[in-house]
N, C-alpha and C. Protein backbone atom coordinates (compact mmCIF):
# COMPACT_ATOMS: atom_id res chain seq x y z
N GLY A 1 105.56 67.60 109.21
CA GLY A 1 106.37 66.88 110.17
C GLY A 1 106.32 67.53 111.53
N ARG A 2 107.03 66.93 112.44
CA ARG A 2 107.13 67.46 113.81
C ARG A 2 108.44 68.20 113.97
N TYR A 3 108.36 69.33 114.63
CA TYR A 3 109.55 70.14 114.88
C TYR A 3 109.62 70.53 116.34
N SER A 4 110.85 70.60 116.85
CA SER A 4 111.07 71.17 118.18
C SER A 4 111.12 72.69 118.03
N THR A 5 111.14 73.38 119.15
CA THR A 5 111.28 74.84 119.08
C THR A 5 112.57 75.19 118.34
N ARG A 6 113.67 74.51 118.68
CA ARG A 6 114.94 74.75 118.02
C ARG A 6 114.83 74.49 116.52
N GLY A 7 114.11 73.44 116.15
CA GLY A 7 113.92 73.11 114.74
C GLY A 7 113.20 74.22 113.99
N LEU A 8 112.19 74.82 114.64
CA LEU A 8 111.46 75.93 114.01
C LEU A 8 112.33 77.16 113.89
N VAL A 9 113.13 77.43 114.93
CA VAL A 9 114.05 78.57 114.91
C VAL A 9 115.00 78.43 113.72
N GLU A 10 115.54 77.22 113.53
CA GLU A 10 116.48 76.99 112.44
C GLU A 10 115.78 76.98 111.08
N LYS A 11 114.61 76.36 111.01
CA LYS A 11 113.88 76.25 109.73
C LYS A 11 113.48 77.61 109.18
N TYR A 12 112.97 78.48 110.06
CA TYR A 12 112.43 79.76 109.61
C TYR A 12 113.37 80.95 109.86
N GLY A 13 114.49 80.72 110.53
CA GLY A 13 115.42 81.81 110.79
C GLY A 13 114.83 82.87 111.71
N VAL A 14 114.06 82.43 112.72
CA VAL A 14 113.44 83.35 113.66
C VAL A 14 114.04 83.14 115.05
N THR A 15 113.63 83.96 115.99
CA THR A 15 114.11 83.83 117.37
C THR A 15 113.15 82.96 118.18
N TRP A 16 113.62 82.54 119.35
CA TRP A 16 112.76 81.78 120.26
C TRP A 16 111.54 82.63 120.65
N ASP A 17 111.76 83.95 120.79
CA ASP A 17 110.66 84.84 121.14
C ASP A 17 109.58 84.84 120.07
N THR A 18 109.99 84.73 118.80
CA THR A 18 109.02 84.69 117.71
C THR A 18 108.18 83.42 117.82
N VAL A 19 108.82 82.30 118.11
CA VAL A 19 108.08 81.04 118.27
C VAL A 19 107.09 81.15 119.42
N ARG A 20 107.54 81.74 120.54
CA ARG A 20 106.63 81.94 121.69
C ARG A 20 105.46 82.84 121.31
N TYR A 21 105.73 83.88 120.51
CA TYR A 21 104.67 84.79 120.06
C TYR A 21 103.66 84.03 119.20
N TRP A 22 104.15 83.17 118.30
CA TRP A 22 103.26 82.38 117.46
C TRP A 22 102.37 81.46 118.30
N ILE A 23 102.92 80.93 119.39
CA ILE A 23 102.12 80.08 120.30
C ILE A 23 101.02 80.93 120.94
N LYS A 24 101.43 82.13 121.44
CA LYS A 24 100.48 83.03 122.10
C LYS A 24 99.35 83.43 121.15
N LYS A 25 99.69 83.64 119.88
CA LYS A 25 98.72 84.06 118.88
C LYS A 25 97.89 82.90 118.33
N GLY A 26 98.23 81.67 118.73
CA GLY A 26 97.46 80.52 118.27
C GLY A 26 97.88 79.99 116.91
N ILE A 27 99.00 80.49 116.38
CA ILE A 27 99.50 79.98 115.10
C ILE A 27 100.06 78.58 115.30
N LEU A 28 100.78 78.39 116.40
CA LEU A 28 101.35 77.09 116.74
C LEU A 28 100.68 76.53 117.97
N THR A 29 100.46 75.22 117.96
CA THR A 29 99.93 74.54 119.14
C THR A 29 100.99 73.58 119.65
N PRO A 30 101.57 73.88 120.81
CA PRO A 30 102.62 72.99 121.32
C PRO A 30 102.05 71.67 121.78
N GLU A 31 102.81 70.62 121.55
CA GLU A 31 102.47 69.28 122.04
C GLU A 31 103.70 68.79 122.78
N ARG A 32 103.50 67.91 123.71
CA ARG A 32 104.64 67.27 124.37
C ARG A 32 104.88 65.95 123.67
N ALA A 33 106.11 65.74 123.22
CA ALA A 33 106.44 64.47 122.56
C ALA A 33 106.41 63.34 123.59
N LEU A 34 107.03 63.58 124.72
CA LEU A 34 107.07 62.62 125.83
C LEU A 34 106.96 63.41 127.12
N PRO A 35 106.54 62.76 128.20
CA PRO A 35 106.52 63.50 129.47
C PRO A 35 107.91 64.07 129.78
N LYS A 36 107.96 65.27 130.30
CA LYS A 36 109.20 65.97 130.67
C LYS A 36 110.10 66.29 129.48
N SER A 37 109.59 66.20 128.28
CA SER A 37 110.43 66.56 127.13
C SER A 37 110.07 67.96 126.68
N ASN A 38 110.81 68.46 125.74
CA ASN A 38 110.52 69.78 125.18
C ASN A 38 109.27 69.70 124.34
N PHE A 39 108.72 70.88 124.06
CA PHE A 39 107.56 70.95 123.17
C PHE A 39 107.96 70.50 121.77
N CYS A 40 106.99 69.98 121.07
CA CYS A 40 107.16 69.78 119.64
C CYS A 40 105.90 70.32 118.97
N PHE A 41 106.01 70.57 117.68
CA PHE A 41 104.93 71.20 116.93
C PHE A 41 104.66 70.42 115.67
N GLN A 42 103.41 70.16 115.41
CA GLN A 42 102.99 69.49 114.18
C GLN A 42 102.79 70.56 113.12
N LEU A 43 103.57 70.49 112.05
CA LEU A 43 103.43 71.47 110.98
C LEU A 43 102.54 70.92 109.88
N THR A 44 101.29 71.36 109.90
CA THR A 44 100.36 70.98 108.84
C THR A 44 100.47 72.03 107.74
N HIS A 45 99.83 71.79 106.63
CA HIS A 45 99.84 72.75 105.53
C HIS A 45 99.26 74.09 106.00
N GLU A 46 98.19 74.04 106.79
CA GLU A 46 97.55 75.26 107.29
C GLU A 46 98.50 76.03 108.21
N VAL A 47 99.19 75.32 109.08
CA VAL A 47 100.13 75.97 110.01
C VAL A 47 101.26 76.62 109.22
N GLU A 48 101.77 75.91 108.21
CA GLU A 48 102.83 76.46 107.35
C GLU A 48 102.36 77.77 106.70
N GLN A 49 101.11 77.80 106.22
CA GLN A 49 100.57 79.01 105.60
C GLN A 49 100.49 80.16 106.60
N LEU A 50 100.06 79.86 107.82
CA LEU A 50 99.97 80.89 108.85
C LEU A 50 101.35 81.45 109.18
N ILE A 51 102.34 80.57 109.26
CA ILE A 51 103.71 81.00 109.55
C ILE A 51 104.24 81.86 108.41
N GLN A 52 104.02 81.43 107.18
CA GLN A 52 104.49 82.22 106.03
C GLN A 52 103.83 83.60 106.02
N ALA A 53 102.55 83.66 106.35
CA ALA A 53 101.84 84.95 106.41
C ALA A 53 102.42 85.82 107.52
N ALA A 54 102.71 85.22 108.67
CA ALA A 54 103.30 85.96 109.79
C ALA A 54 104.68 86.48 109.41
N LEU A 55 105.47 85.66 108.72
CA LEU A 55 106.80 86.09 108.29
C LEU A 55 106.70 87.23 107.28
N ALA A 56 105.73 87.16 106.38
CA ALA A 56 105.55 88.21 105.38
C ALA A 56 105.16 89.53 106.05
N ARG A 57 104.26 89.45 107.06
CA ARG A 57 103.86 90.66 107.79
C ARG A 57 105.06 91.26 108.51
N LYS A 58 105.87 90.40 109.12
CA LYS A 58 107.03 90.87 109.86
C LYS A 58 108.02 91.58 108.92
N ARG A 59 108.22 91.01 107.74
CA ARG A 59 109.14 91.62 106.77
C ARG A 59 108.64 92.98 106.32
N THR A 60 107.34 93.12 106.07
CA THR A 60 106.83 94.39 105.55
C THR A 60 106.73 95.44 106.66
N SER A 61 106.52 95.01 107.90
CA SER A 61 106.38 95.99 108.98
C SER A 61 107.74 96.47 109.49
N ARG A 62 108.81 95.82 109.09
CA ARG A 62 110.14 96.20 109.58
C ARG A 62 110.93 97.00 108.54
N ARG A 63 110.22 97.77 107.74
CA ARG A 63 110.92 98.59 106.75
C ARG A 63 111.78 99.62 107.46
N PRO A 64 112.97 99.83 106.96
CA PRO A 64 113.81 100.87 107.59
C PRO A 64 113.17 102.24 107.41
N THR A 65 113.19 103.03 108.45
CA THR A 65 112.57 104.35 108.36
C THR A 65 113.57 105.34 107.77
N GLN A 66 113.05 106.29 107.08
CA GLN A 66 113.90 107.35 106.51
C GLN A 66 114.13 108.40 107.59
N HIS A 67 115.39 108.65 107.88
CA HIS A 67 115.72 109.70 108.85
C HIS A 67 116.19 110.92 108.08
N HIS A 68 115.64 112.06 108.44
CA HIS A 68 116.05 113.30 107.81
C HIS A 68 117.13 113.93 108.68
N HIS A 69 118.28 114.11 108.09
CA HIS A 69 119.39 114.69 108.84
C HIS A 69 119.43 116.19 108.58
N HIS A 70 119.44 116.94 109.65
CA HIS A 70 119.51 118.39 109.54
C HIS A 70 120.97 118.78 109.75
N HIS A 71 121.58 119.31 108.75
CA HIS A 71 122.98 119.71 108.86
C HIS A 71 123.06 121.17 109.26
N LEU A 72 123.87 121.43 110.25
CA LEU A 72 124.08 122.80 110.66
C LEU A 72 125.23 123.35 109.84
N HIS A 73 124.99 124.46 109.18
CA HIS A 73 126.03 125.05 108.34
C HIS A 73 126.82 126.06 109.19
N SER A 74 128.09 125.83 109.29
CA SER A 74 128.90 126.79 110.04
C SER A 74 129.30 127.94 109.13
N ARG A 75 129.41 129.11 109.71
CA ARG A 75 129.76 130.29 108.91
C ARG A 75 131.18 130.70 109.18
């Protein structure tokens, strides 16, 4: 189907910046629905797969880092 930027943000739970990044990376190709209207995006099966792969990469790359706390022992 066709989605607006807002629709993609809501569908995938991402930020507007993520949608812009996907456009920059060529995952999404913006189309204009009508002159002077917002972008819309055609979600084909291939595009859905690319988005799911991008979301999976984002989840695995955002692992919380282990911080080692050094405690000072008072005497």
